[in-house]
PDB file of N, CA and C in Angstrom:
ATOM      1  N   UNK A   1     341.361 190.919   8.432  1.00  0.00           N
ATOM      2  CA  UNK A   1     342.005 192.456   8.974  1.00  0.00           C
ATOM      3  C   UNK A   1     340.949 192.995   8.878  1.00  0.00           C
ATOM      4  N   UNK A   2     339.606 192.607   8.345  1.00  0.00           N
ATOM      5  CA  UNK A   2     338.971 193.823   8.462  1.00  0.00           C
ATOM      6  C   UNK A   2     337.798 193.214   9.555  1.00  0.00           C
ATOM      7  N   UNK A   3     337.996 192.099  10.298  1.00  0.00           N
ATOM      8  CA  UNK A   3     337.157 191.640  11.244  1.00  0.00           C
ATOM      9  C   UNK A   3     338.024 192.627  12.777  1.00  0.00           C
ATOM     10  N   UNK A   4     339.028 192.739  12.639  1.00  0.00           N
ATOM     11  CA  UNK A   4     339.578 193.511  13.736  1.00  0.00           C
ATOM     12  C   UNK A   4     339.026 194.224  14.335  1.00  0.00           C
ATOM     13  N   UNK A   5     338.255 194.944  14.185  1.00  0.00           N
ATOM     14  CA  UNK A   5     337.455 196.268  14.891  1.00  0.00           C
ATOM     15  C   UNK A   5     336.272 195.474  14.900  1.00  0.00           C
ATOM     16  N   UNK A   6     335.687 194.736  14.593  1.00  0.00           N
ATOM     17  CA  UNK A   6     334.757 193.800  15.116  1.00  0.00           C
ATOM     18  C   UNK A   6     335.102 193.015  16.418  1.00  0.00           C
ATOM     19  N   UNK A   7     335.981 192.202  16.233  1.00  0.00           N
ATOM     20  CA  UNK A   7     336.581 191.968  17.536  1.00  0.00           C
ATOM     21  C   UNK A   7     336.243 192.885  18.537  1.00  0.00           C
ATOM     22  N   UNK A   8     337.328 193.761  18.603  1.00  0.00           N
ATOM     23  CA  UNK A   8     338.184 194.359  19.332  1.00  0.00           C
ATOM     24  C   UNK A   8     336.519 194.845  19.832  1.00  0.00           C
ATOM     25  N   UNK A   9     335.669 195.495  19.097  1.00  0.00           N
ATOM     26  CA  UNK A   9     333.884 196.142  19.278  1.00  0.00           C
ATOM     27  C   UNK A   9     333.498 195.113  20.796  1.00  0.00           C
ATOM     28  N   UNK A  10     333.703 194.347  20.385  1.00  0.00           N
ATOM     29  CA  UNK A  10     332.781 192.649  20.762  1.00  0.00           C
ATOM     30  C   UNK A  10     333.280 192.899  22.550  1.00  0.00           C
ATOM     31  N   UNK A  11     335.506 192.871  22.535  1.00  0.00           N
ATOM     32  CA  UNK A  11     336.194 192.744  23.785  1.00  0.00           C
ATOM     33  C   UNK A  11     335.765 193.334  24.423  1.00  0.00           C
ATOM     34  N   UNK A  12     335.388 194.882  24.131  1.00  0.00           N
ATOM     35  CA  UNK A  12     335.232 196.169  24.721  1.00  0.00           C
ATOM     36  C   UNK A  12     333.698 196.513  25.274  1.00  0.00           C
ATOM     37  N   UNK A  13     332.714 195.149  24.029  1.00  0.00           N
ATOM     38  CA  UNK A  13     331.417 195.905  25.223  1.00  0.00           C
ATOM     39  C   UNK A  13     331.252 194.545  25.790  1.00  0.00           C
ATOM     40  N   UNK A  14     332.400 193.262  25.816  1.00  0.00           N
ATOM     41  CA  UNK A  14     332.455 192.707  27.445  1.00  0.00           C
ATOM     42  C   UNK A  14     332.482 193.589  28.263  1.00  0.00           C
ATOM     43  N   UNK A  15     333.624 193.582  28.241  1.00  0.00           N
ATOM     44  CA  UNK A  15     334.756 194.568  29.279  1.00  0.00           C
ATOM     45  C   UNK A  15     334.047 195.737  29.801  1.00  0.00           C
ATOM     46  N   UNK A  16     333.201 196.915  28.791  1.00  0.00           N
ATOM     47  CA  UNK A  16     332.037 197.738  29.563  1.00  0.00           C
ATOM     48  C   UNK A  16     330.671 197.165  30.553  1.00  0.00           C
ATOM     49  N   UNK A  17     330.080 195.676  30.502  1.00  0.00           N
ATOM     50  CA  UNK A  17     329.463 195.226  30.824  1.00  0.00           C
ATOM     51  C   UNK A  17     329.850 194.534  32.104  1.00  0.00           C
ATOM     52  N   UNK A  18     331.119 194.226  31.971  1.00  0.00           N
ATOM     53  CA  UNK A  18     331.237 193.741  33.174  1.00  0.00           C
ATOM     54  C   UNK A  18     331.424 194.430  34.397  1.00  0.00           C
ATOM     55  N   UNK A  19     332.304 195.584  33.385  1.00  0.00           N
ATOM     56  CA  UNK A  19     332.205 197.215  34.710  1.00  0.00           C
ATOM     57  C   UNK A  19     331.428 197.145  35.728  1.00  0.00           C
ATOM     58  N   UNK A  20     330.242 197.188  34.835  1.00  0.00           N
ATOM     59  CA  UNK A  20     328.923 197.919  35.458  1.00  0.00           C
ATOM     60  C   UNK A  20     328.285 196.684  36.183  1.00  0.00           C
ATOM     61  N   UNK A  21     328.629 195.154  35.717  1.00  0.00           N
ATOM     62  CA  UNK A  21     328.042 194.647  36.771  1.00  0.00           C
ATOM     63  C   UNK A  21     329.134 194.528  38.313  1.00  0.00           C
ATOM     64  N   UNK A  22     329.589 195.251  38.120  1.00  0.00           N
ATOM     65  CA  UNK A  22     331.001 195.042  39.574  1.00  0.00           C
ATOM     66  C   UNK A  22     330.412 195.751  40.154  1.00  0.00           C
ATOM     67  N   UNK A  23     329.877 196.874  39.678  1.00  0.00           N
ATOM     68  CA  UNK A  23     329.560 197.994  40.455  1.00  0.00           C
ATOM     69  C   UNK A  23     328.673 198.415  40.708  1.00  0.00           C
ATOM     70  N   UNK A  24     327.729 197.123  40.523  1.00  0.00           N
ATOM     71  CA  UNK A  24     326.016 196.718  41.125  1.00  0.00           C
ATOM     72  C   UNK A  24     324.518 197.616  39.710  1.00  0.00           C
ATOM     73  N   UNK A  25     325.322 197.643  38.822  1.00  0.00           N
ATOM     74  CA  UNK A  25     324.731 199.164  38.115  1.00  0.00           C
ATOM     75  C   UNK A  25     322.967 197.926  37.096  1.00  0.00           C
ATOM     76  N   UNK A  26     322.299 198.896  36.824  1.00  0.00           N
ATOM     77  CA  UNK A  26     321.317 197.769  36.217  1.00  0.00           C
ATOM     78  C   UNK A  26     321.566 197.155  34.776  1.00  0.00           C
ATOM     79  N   UNK A  27     320.231 196.182  34.021  1.00  0.00           N
ATOM     80  CA  UNK A  27     320.894 196.463  32.850  1.00  0.00           C
ATOM     81  C   UNK A  27     320.398 197.833  31.654  1.00  0.00           C
ATOM     82  N   UNK A  28     320.179 198.648  31.472  1.00  0.00           N
ATOM     83  CA  UNK A  28     319.994 199.371  31.326  1.00  0.00           C
ATOM     84  C   UNK A  28     321.758 200.549  31.575  1.00  0.00           C
ATOM     85  N   UNK A  29     321.657 200.490  32.382  1.00  0.00           N
ATOM     86  CA  UNK A  29     323.742 200.442  32.509  1.00  0.00           C
ATOM     87  C   UNK A  29     324.306 200.504  31.474  1.00  0.00           C
ATOM     88  N   UNK A  30     324.362 198.721  31.662  1.00  0.00           N
ATOM     89  CA  UNK A  30     325.061 197.502  31.146  1.00  0.00           C
ATOM     90  C   UNK A  30     325.476 197.422  29.496  1.00  0.00           C
ATOM     91  N   UNK A  31     324.113 197.924  28.872  1.00  0.00           N
ATOM     92  CA  UNK A  31     323.500 197.629  28.110  1.00  0.00           C
ATOM     93  C   UNK A  31     324.519 199.451  27.194  1.00  0.00           C
ATOM     94  N   UNK A  32     324.553 201.085  28.104  1.00  0.00           N
ATOM     95  CA  UNK A  32     325.364 201.596  27.841  1.00  0.00           C
ATOM     96  C   UNK A  32     326.390 201.225  28.148  1.00  0.00           C
ATOM     97  N   UNK A  33     327.302 201.206  28.918  1.00  0.00           N
ATOM     98  CA  UNK A  33     328.639 201.140  29.522  1.00  0.00           C
ATOM     99  C   UNK A  33     328.963 199.909  28.057  1.00  0.00           C
ATOM    100  N   UNK A  34     328.334 199.131  27.875  1.00  0.00           N
ATOM    101  CA  UNK A  34     328.685 197.633  26.743  1.00  0.00           C
ATOM    102  C   UNK A  34     328.755 199.244  25.540  1.00  0.00           C
ATOM    103  N   UNK A  35     328.034 199.731  24.647  1.00  0.00           N
ATOM    104  CA  UNK A  35     327.624 200.442  23.638  1.00  0.00           C
ATOM    105  C   UNK A  35     329.244 201.319  23.850  1.00  0.00           C
ATOM    106  N   UNK A  36     329.084 202.013  24.733  1.00  0.00           N
ATOM    107  CA  UNK A  36     331.166 202.699  24.775  1.00  0.00           C
ATOM    108  C   UNK A  36     331.628 202.582  24.841  1.00  0.00           C
ATOM    109  N   UNK A  37     331.667 201.373  25.711  1.00  0.00           N
ATOM    110  CA  UNK A  37     333.263 200.664  25.122  1.00  0.00           C
ATOM    111  C   UNK A  37     333.654 199.635  24.128  1.00  0.00           C
ATOM    112  N   UNK A  38     332.614 199.977  23.653  1.00  0.00           N
ATOM    113  CA  UNK A  38     332.477 198.196  22.150  1.00  0.00           C
ATOM    114  C   UNK A  38     332.811 199.503  21.436  1.00  0.00           C
ATOM    115  N   UNK A  39     332.325 201.101  21.574  1.00  0.00           N
ATOM    116  CA  UNK A  39     332.650 201.875  19.878  1.00  0.00           C
ATOM    117  C   UNK A  39     333.970 201.982  20.525  1.00  0.00           C
ATOM    118  N   UNK A  40     334.322 202.734  21.718  1.00  0.00           N
ATOM    119  CA  UNK A  40     335.466 203.014  21.607  1.00  0.00           C
ATOM    120  C   UNK A  40     336.645 201.518  21.030  1.00  0.00           C
ATOM    121  N   UNK A  41     336.394 200.859  21.763  1.00  0.00           N
ATOM    122  CA  UNK A  41     337.708 199.518  21.612  1.00  0.00           C
ATOM    123  C   UNK A  41     337.330 199.626  19.476  1.00  0.00           C
ATOM    124  N   UNK A  42     336.345 199.465  19.095  1.00  0.00           N
ATOM    125  CA  UNK A  42     336.027 199.039  17.414  1.00  0.00           C
ATOM    126  C   UNK A  42     336.627 200.328  16.889  1.00  0.00           C
ATOM    127  N   UNK A  43     336.676 202.132  17.919  1.00  0.00           N
ATOM    128  CA  UNK A  43     337.403 202.854  16.452  1.00  0.00           C
ATOM    129  C   UNK A  43     339.158 202.297  17.115  1.00  0.00           C
ATOM    130  N   UNK A  44     339.338 201.819  18.041  1.00  0.00           N
ATOM    131  CA  UNK A  44     341.090 201.785  18.357  1.00  0.00           C
ATOM    132  C   UNK A  44     341.564 200.538  17.729  1.00  0.00           C
ATOM    133  N   UNK A  45     340.440 199.644  16.971  1.00  0.00           N
ATOM    134  CA  UNK A  45     340.610 198.710  16.641  1.00  0.00           C
ATOM    135  C   UNK A  45     341.260 198.764  14.685  1.00  0.00           C
ATOM    136  N   UNK A  46     339.610 199.784  14.695  1.00  0.00           N
ATOM    137  CA  UNK A  46     339.648 200.391  13.158  1.00  0.00           C
ATOM    138  C   UNK A  46     341.463 201.083  13.203  1.00  0.00           C
ATOM    139  N   UNK A  47     342.034 202.173  13.802  1.00  0.00           N
ATOM    140  CA  UNK A  47     343.332 202.305  13.648  1.00  0.00           C
ATOM    141  C   UNK A  47     344.330 201.480  13.571  1.00  0.00           C
ATOM    142  N   UNK A  48     344.186 200.236  14.112  1.00  0.00           N
ATOM    143  CA  UNK A  48     345.327 199.430  14.652  1.00  0.00           C
ATOM    144  C   UNK A  48     345.304 198.070  13.412  1.00  0.00           C
ATOM    145  N   UNK A  49     344.072 198.297  12.886  1.00  0.00           N
ATOM    146  CA  UNK A  49     344.053 197.623  11.046  1.00  0.00           C
ATOM    147  C   UNK A  49     344.032 198.132  10.268  1.00  0.00           C
ATOM    148  N   UNK A  50     344.350 199.328   9.961  1.00  0.00           N
ATOM    149  CA  UNK A  50     344.811 200.048   9.050  1.00  0.00           C
ATOM    150  C   UNK A  50     346.598 200.618   9.497  1.00  0.00           C
ATOM    151  N   UNK A  51     346.548 200.882  10.420  1.00  0.00           N
ATOM    152  CA  UNK A  51     348.111 200.918  10.766  1.00  0.00           C
ATOM    153  C   UNK A  51     349.031 199.428  10.137  1.00  0.00           C
ATOM    154  N   UNK A  52     348.296 198.273   9.930  1.00  0.00           N
ATOM    155  CA  UNK A  52     348.875 196.395   9.717  1.00  0.00           C
ATOM    156  C   UNK A  52     348.707 197.215   8.637  1.00  0.00           C
ATOM    157  N   UNK A  53     347.423 197.820   7.736  1.00  0.00           N
ATOM    158  CA  UNK A  53     347.746 197.585   6.688  1.00  0.00           C
ATOM    159  C   UNK A  53     348.587 198.179   5.546  1.00  0.00           C
ATOM    160  N   UNK A  54     348.886 199.871   6.041  1.00  0.00           N
ATOM    161  CA  UNK A  54     349.972 200.105   5.554  1.00  0.00           C
ATOM    162  C   UNK A  54     351.051 200.039   5.675  1.00  0.00           C
ATOM    163  N   UNK A  55     351.197 199.293   7.147  1.00  0.00           N
ATOM    164  CA  UNK A  55     353.302 198.750   7.453  1.00  0.00           C
ATOM    165  C   UNK A  55     353.419 197.251   6.124  1.00  0.00           C
ATOM    166  N   UNK A  56     351.731 196.669   6.098  1.00  0.00           N
ATOM    167  CA  UNK A  56     351.833 196.014   4.954  1.00  0.00           C
ATOM    168  C   UNK A  56     353.006 196.218   3.249  1.00  0.00           C
ATOM    169  N   UNK A  57     352.416 197.351   3.464  1.00  0.00           N
ATOM    170  CA  UNK A  57     352.812 198.000   1.159  1.00  0.00           C
ATOM    171  C   UNK A  57     353.751 198.605   1.507  1.00  0.00           C
TER     172      UNK A  57
END
């Protein structure tokens, strides 16, 4: 249950880096997009984990 934000954050980082790679960005752009998408997906995963934990009670 607690790994959900980490897993979704890693998925978001991969998605962000692949988007920049398709657009022809450099390594700094890839890092910035990976961090941004990773944080966004991590927050979404956190809300999903909280929702599922509250439904289990």
